[in-house]
Each structure stands twice: as C-alpha cells, then as structure tokens.
Amino acid sequence: MISKKVKTEMYALKAIQVSEWLETLHAAIQSLSPVEQELIELKYLQKRNDGSSYSDEVIYPQLYIGRKKYYKMKKEALDILGRKLYGVFSERGRL
C-alpha cells in the first residue's frame, strides 16, 4: 500500500509536470502569428457559456477571414504547434 506521504509527493510531481507542459504549450502558441493564436485559442482553449466548443463556422467570421483561408490557416497552425511540441518533448525524452 502506498503511504499518504508518497501519494502527496506523486500528486505534487504531477502538478509540476502539468504546469511545465502548459508553459510549453503556451510558448508554442505564442510563436504563431496573432491571427493563428486567436484561431487556436477560440477553437481549442475557450469554451462557450454552455461549456461547448466554438464551431468553425462561428470562428472564421470573427477572424474576418473566409472559410477556405480559415481551414488552411487552422491546418498550418496545428502543424506548426505539433512540430514544436514534438521537438520539445522528444528532446526531453518524453515521447
């Protein structure tokens, strides 16, 4: 059986890891262009009042871009984020 002290230490380590991961994610997002940052934040980080995510059809008019450009930009932004995050975590040996 795991002692209470060990459980507390495990939770503390997890909290530190999550904090580090969030810092890494936000740094990767900051490397995007301002409109790409807003796209990622609206699509994946912000929720509507009812707790659901914003749909693409709601987001691209807010960004003042057309549907086709939006989907291209979304794909490119996710590709950039994926590559940056993969690079960071593969360097740390966490993949």
N, C-alpha and C. Protein backbone atom coordinates (compact mmCIF):
# COMPACT_ATOMS: atom_id res chain seq x y z
N MET A 1 0.84 -1.18 0.00
CA MET A 1 0.00 0.00 0.00
C MET A 1 0.89 1.25 0.00
N ILE A 2 0.48 2.24 -0.78
CA ILE A 2 1.25 3.47 -0.90
C ILE A 2 0.87 4.41 0.25
N SER A 3 1.89 4.94 0.91
CA SER A 3 1.64 5.83 2.05
C SER A 3 1.06 7.16 1.59
N LYS A 4 0.45 7.86 2.51
CA LYS A 4 -0.14 9.16 2.23
C LYS A 4 0.93 10.15 1.77
N LYS A 5 2.12 10.08 2.38
CA LYS A 5 3.21 10.98 2.02
C LYS A 5 3.65 10.74 0.57
N VAL A 6 3.76 9.47 0.18
CA VAL A 6 4.17 9.14 -1.18
C VAL A 6 3.12 9.61 -2.18
N LYS A 7 1.83 9.41 -1.85
CA LYS A 7 0.76 9.89 -2.72
C LYS A 7 0.82 11.40 -2.90
N THR A 8 1.05 12.11 -1.80
CA THR A 8 1.14 13.57 -1.86
C THR A 8 2.31 14.00 -2.75
N GLU A 9 3.45 13.32 -2.62
CA GLU A 9 4.61 13.64 -3.45
C GLU A 9 4.32 13.35 -4.92
N MET A 10 3.61 12.25 -5.18
CA MET A 10 3.26 11.90 -6.56
C MET A 10 2.36 12.98 -7.18
N TYR A 11 1.36 13.43 -6.41
CA TYR A 11 0.47 14.49 -6.90
C TYR A 11 1.23 15.79 -7.12
N ALA A 12 2.16 16.10 -6.25
CA ALA A 12 2.97 17.33 -6.39
C ALA A 12 3.81 17.26 -7.66
N LEU A 13 4.42 16.11 -7.93
CA LEU A 13 5.21 15.94 -9.15
C LEU A 13 4.34 16.06 -10.39
N LYS A 14 3.16 15.47 -10.35
CA LYS A 14 2.23 15.57 -11.48
C LYS A 14 1.84 17.02 -11.72
N ALA A 15 1.57 17.76 -10.65
CA ALA A 15 1.20 19.17 -10.77
C ALA A 15 2.32 19.97 -11.43
N ILE A 16 3.56 19.67 -11.06
CA ILE A 16 4.72 20.36 -11.66
C ILE A 16 4.82 20.00 -13.14
N GLN A 17 4.64 18.73 -13.46
CA GLN A 17 4.71 18.30 -14.86
C GLN A 17 3.62 18.97 -15.70
N VAL A 18 2.42 19.04 -15.16
CA VAL A 18 1.32 19.69 -15.88
C VAL A 18 1.63 21.16 -16.08
N SER A 19 2.14 21.82 -15.05
CA SER A 19 2.49 23.23 -15.16
C SER A 19 3.55 23.45 -16.24
N GLU A 20 4.56 22.60 -16.27
CA GLU A 20 5.61 22.70 -17.28
C GLU A 20 5.04 22.48 -18.68
N TRP A 21 4.15 21.50 -18.81
CA TRP A 21 3.55 21.21 -20.11
C TRP A 21 2.72 22.41 -20.58
N LEU A 22 1.95 23.00 -19.69
CA LEU A 22 1.14 24.17 -20.07
C LEU A 22 2.01 25.35 -20.47
N GLU A 23 3.12 25.56 -19.77
CA GLU A 23 4.05 26.62 -20.15
C GLU A 23 4.61 26.37 -21.55
N THR A 24 4.95 25.12 -21.84
CA THR A 24 5.47 24.75 -23.15
C THR A 24 4.41 24.97 -24.22
N LEU A 25 3.18 24.57 -23.94
CA LEU A 25 2.09 24.75 -24.89
C LEU A 25 1.86 26.24 -25.17
N HIS A 26 1.80 27.04 -24.14
CA HIS A 26 1.56 28.48 -24.32
C HIS A 26 2.73 29.15 -25.05
N ALA A 27 3.95 28.72 -24.79
CA ALA A 27 5.10 29.26 -25.52
C ALA A 27 5.00 28.91 -27.00
N ALA A 28 4.58 27.67 -27.30
CA ALA A 28 4.42 27.26 -28.70
C ALA A 28 3.31 28.09 -29.37
N ILE A 29 2.23 28.33 -28.67
CA ILE A 29 1.14 29.14 -29.22
C ILE A 29 1.62 30.57 -29.48
N GLN A 30 2.44 31.11 -28.57
CA GLN A 30 2.96 32.47 -28.73
C GLN A 30 3.85 32.61 -29.96
N SER A 31 4.39 31.50 -30.45
CA SER A 31 5.26 31.56 -31.62
C SER A 31 4.46 31.69 -32.92
N LEU A 32 3.14 31.51 -32.85
CA LEU A 32 2.29 31.64 -34.02
C LEU A 32 2.01 33.12 -34.31
N SER A 33 1.50 33.39 -35.49
CA SER A 33 1.08 34.76 -35.80
C SER A 33 -0.12 35.12 -34.92
N PRO A 34 -0.39 36.40 -34.74
CA PRO A 34 -1.52 36.79 -33.89
C PRO A 34 -2.85 36.18 -34.31
N VAL A 35 -3.13 36.13 -35.61
CA VAL A 35 -4.40 35.56 -36.05
C VAL A 35 -4.43 34.04 -35.83
N GLU A 36 -3.29 33.37 -36.00
CA GLU A 36 -3.23 31.93 -35.72
C GLU A 36 -3.41 31.68 -34.23
N GLN A 37 -2.82 32.53 -33.39
CA GLN A 37 -3.01 32.40 -31.94
C GLN A 37 -4.47 32.51 -31.58
N GLU A 38 -5.13 33.50 -32.14
CA GLU A 38 -6.55 33.71 -31.83
C GLU A 38 -7.38 32.52 -32.31
N LEU A 39 -7.07 32.00 -33.48
CA LEU A 39 -7.77 30.83 -34.01
C LEU A 39 -7.64 29.65 -33.05
N ILE A 40 -6.42 29.34 -32.64
CA ILE A 40 -6.18 28.20 -31.74
C ILE A 40 -6.88 28.42 -30.40
N GLU A 41 -6.80 29.62 -29.88
CA GLU A 41 -7.44 29.91 -28.60
C GLU A 41 -8.96 29.77 -28.69
N LEU A 42 -9.56 30.33 -29.75
CA LEU A 42 -11.01 30.23 -29.89
C LEU A 42 -11.46 28.78 -30.13
N LYS A 43 -10.73 28.06 -30.95
CA LYS A 43 -11.14 26.71 -31.32
C LYS A 43 -10.87 25.68 -30.22
N TYR A 44 -9.75 25.80 -29.54
CA TYR A 44 -9.33 24.72 -28.64
C TYR A 44 -9.20 25.10 -27.16
N LEU A 45 -9.09 26.37 -26.85
CA LEU A 45 -8.84 26.74 -25.45
C LEU A 45 -10.01 27.45 -24.79
N GLN A 46 -10.89 28.05 -25.56
CA GLN A 46 -12.03 28.76 -24.97
C GLN A 46 -13.30 27.94 -25.16
N LYS A 47 -14.20 28.10 -24.22
CA LYS A 47 -15.50 27.42 -24.28
C LYS A 47 -16.61 28.45 -24.31
N ARG A 48 -17.73 28.04 -24.86
CA ARG A 48 -18.92 28.88 -24.83
C ARG A 48 -19.51 28.84 -23.42
N ASN A 49 -20.50 29.68 -23.16
CA ASN A 49 -21.13 29.73 -21.84
C ASN A 49 -21.72 28.39 -21.40
N ASP A 50 -22.17 27.59 -22.38
CA ASP A 50 -22.75 26.28 -22.04
C ASP A 50 -21.70 25.18 -21.91
N GLY A 51 -20.41 25.55 -22.04
CA GLY A 51 -19.32 24.58 -21.87
C GLY A 51 -18.88 23.90 -23.16
N SER A 52 -19.60 24.14 -24.25
CA SER A 52 -19.23 23.51 -25.52
C SER A 52 -18.18 24.36 -26.24
N SER A 53 -17.56 23.76 -27.24
CA SER A 53 -16.54 24.46 -28.03
C SER A 53 -17.20 25.29 -29.12
N TYR A 54 -16.49 26.31 -29.57
CA TYR A 54 -16.97 27.11 -30.69
C TYR A 54 -16.82 26.30 -31.98
N SER A 55 -17.77 26.41 -32.86
CA SER A 55 -17.69 25.73 -34.16
C SER A 55 -16.85 26.57 -35.11
N ASP A 56 -16.31 25.90 -36.12
CA ASP A 56 -15.52 26.61 -37.13
C ASP A 56 -16.34 27.71 -37.79
N GLU A 57 -17.61 27.45 -38.02
CA GLU A 57 -18.49 28.41 -38.70
C GLU A 57 -18.68 29.69 -37.89
N VAL A 58 -18.49 29.60 -36.58
CA VAL A 58 -18.58 30.78 -35.72
C VAL A 58 -17.24 31.52 -35.67
N ILE A 59 -16.16 30.77 -35.75
CA ILE A 59 -14.82 31.35 -35.56
C ILE A 59 -14.34 32.16 -36.76
N TYR A 60 -14.43 31.59 -37.97
CA TYR A 60 -13.80 32.31 -39.08
C TYR A 60 -14.41 33.68 -39.37
N PRO A 61 -15.71 33.90 -39.18
CA PRO A 61 -16.19 35.29 -39.34
C PRO A 61 -15.62 36.24 -38.27
N GLN A 62 -15.38 35.70 -37.06
CA GLN A 62 -14.80 36.54 -36.00
C GLN A 62 -13.38 36.97 -36.35
N LEU A 63 -12.69 36.14 -37.13
CA LEU A 63 -11.32 36.44 -37.53
C LEU A 63 -11.27 37.27 -38.81
N TYR A 64 -12.45 37.54 -39.39
CA TYR A 64 -12.57 38.31 -40.63
C TYR A 64 -11.81 37.65 -41.78
N ILE A 65 -11.92 36.32 -41.85
CA ILE A 65 -11.33 35.58 -42.97
C ILE A 65 -12.38 34.63 -43.53
N GLY A 66 -12.17 34.23 -44.77
CA GLY A 66 -13.09 33.31 -45.42
C GLY A 66 -12.90 31.88 -44.94
N ARG A 67 -13.89 31.06 -45.27
CA ARG A 67 -13.89 29.65 -44.86
C ARG A 67 -12.65 28.90 -45.35
N LYS A 68 -12.34 29.04 -46.63
CA LYS A 68 -11.21 28.32 -47.23
C LYS A 68 -9.89 28.72 -46.56
N LYS A 69 -9.70 30.02 -46.39
CA LYS A 69 -8.47 30.51 -45.75
C LYS A 69 -8.39 30.04 -44.30
N TYR A 70 -9.55 30.03 -43.63
CA TYR A 70 -9.60 29.58 -42.23
C TYR A 70 -9.11 28.14 -42.10
N TYR A 71 -9.64 27.24 -42.93
CA TYR A 71 -9.25 25.84 -42.82
C TYR A 71 -7.77 25.63 -43.17
N LYS A 72 -7.27 26.39 -44.13
CA LYS A 72 -5.85 26.31 -44.47
C LYS A 72 -5.00 26.80 -43.30
N MET A 73 -5.40 27.94 -42.72
CA MET A 73 -4.67 28.51 -41.59
C MET A 73 -4.72 27.58 -40.37
N LYS A 74 -5.88 26.99 -40.12
CA LYS A 74 -6.03 26.08 -38.99
C LYS A 74 -5.10 24.88 -39.14
N LYS A 75 -5.06 24.32 -40.34
CA LYS A 75 -4.18 23.17 -40.61
C LYS A 75 -2.71 23.55 -40.40
N GLU A 76 -2.32 24.70 -40.93
CA GLU A 76 -0.93 25.14 -40.80
C GLU A 76 -0.56 25.43 -39.34
N ALA A 77 -1.46 26.08 -38.62
CA ALA A 77 -1.19 26.39 -37.21
C ALA A 77 -1.05 25.11 -36.38
N LEU A 78 -1.92 24.14 -36.62
CA LEU A 78 -1.83 22.87 -35.89
C LEU A 78 -0.55 22.12 -36.26
N ASP A 79 -0.16 22.21 -37.52
CA ASP A 79 1.08 21.57 -37.96
C ASP A 79 2.29 22.19 -37.26
N ILE A 80 2.32 23.53 -37.20
CA ILE A 80 3.42 24.23 -36.52
C ILE A 80 3.46 23.84 -35.04
N LEU A 81 2.29 23.87 -34.39
CA LEU A 81 2.24 23.50 -32.96
C LEU A 81 2.70 22.07 -32.75
N GLY A 82 2.22 21.18 -33.58
CA GLY A 82 2.60 19.77 -33.45
C GLY A 82 4.10 19.57 -33.58
N ARG A 83 4.69 20.24 -34.55
CA ARG A 83 6.15 20.11 -34.75
C ARG A 83 6.93 20.69 -33.58
N LYS A 84 6.49 21.85 -33.10
CA LYS A 84 7.19 22.48 -31.96
C LYS A 84 7.08 21.61 -30.71
N LEU A 85 5.87 21.13 -30.44
CA LEU A 85 5.67 20.31 -29.23
C LEU A 85 6.38 18.97 -29.36
N TYR A 86 6.36 18.37 -30.54
CA TYR A 86 7.08 17.12 -30.75
C TYR A 86 8.57 17.33 -30.51
N GLY A 87 9.10 18.42 -31.04
CA GLY A 87 10.52 18.72 -30.86
C GLY A 87 10.88 18.89 -29.40
N VAL A 88 10.07 19.63 -28.66
CA VAL A 88 10.35 19.87 -27.24
C VAL A 88 10.30 18.57 -26.45
N PHE A 89 9.24 17.80 -26.64
CA PHE A 89 9.08 16.59 -25.84
C PHE A 89 10.01 15.46 -26.27
N SER A 90 10.38 15.41 -27.54
CA SER A 90 11.34 14.38 -27.95
C SER A 90 12.73 14.71 -27.39
N GLU A 91 13.06 16.01 -27.28
CA GLU A 91 14.34 16.40 -26.67
C GLU A 91 14.39 16.02 -25.20
N ARG A 92 13.25 16.10 -24.55
CA ARG A 92 13.19 15.77 -23.12
C ARG A 92 13.05 14.27 -22.88
N GLY A 93 12.89 13.52 -23.96
CA GLY A 93 12.75 12.07 -23.82
C GLY A 93 11.40 11.65 -23.28
N ARG A 94 10.37 12.44 -23.56
CA ARG A 94 9.03 12.13 -23.04
C ARG A 94 8.12 11.54 -24.10
N LEU A 95 8.66 11.12 -25.22
CA LEU A 95 7.82 10.51 -26.25
C LEU A 95 8.05 9.04 -26.30
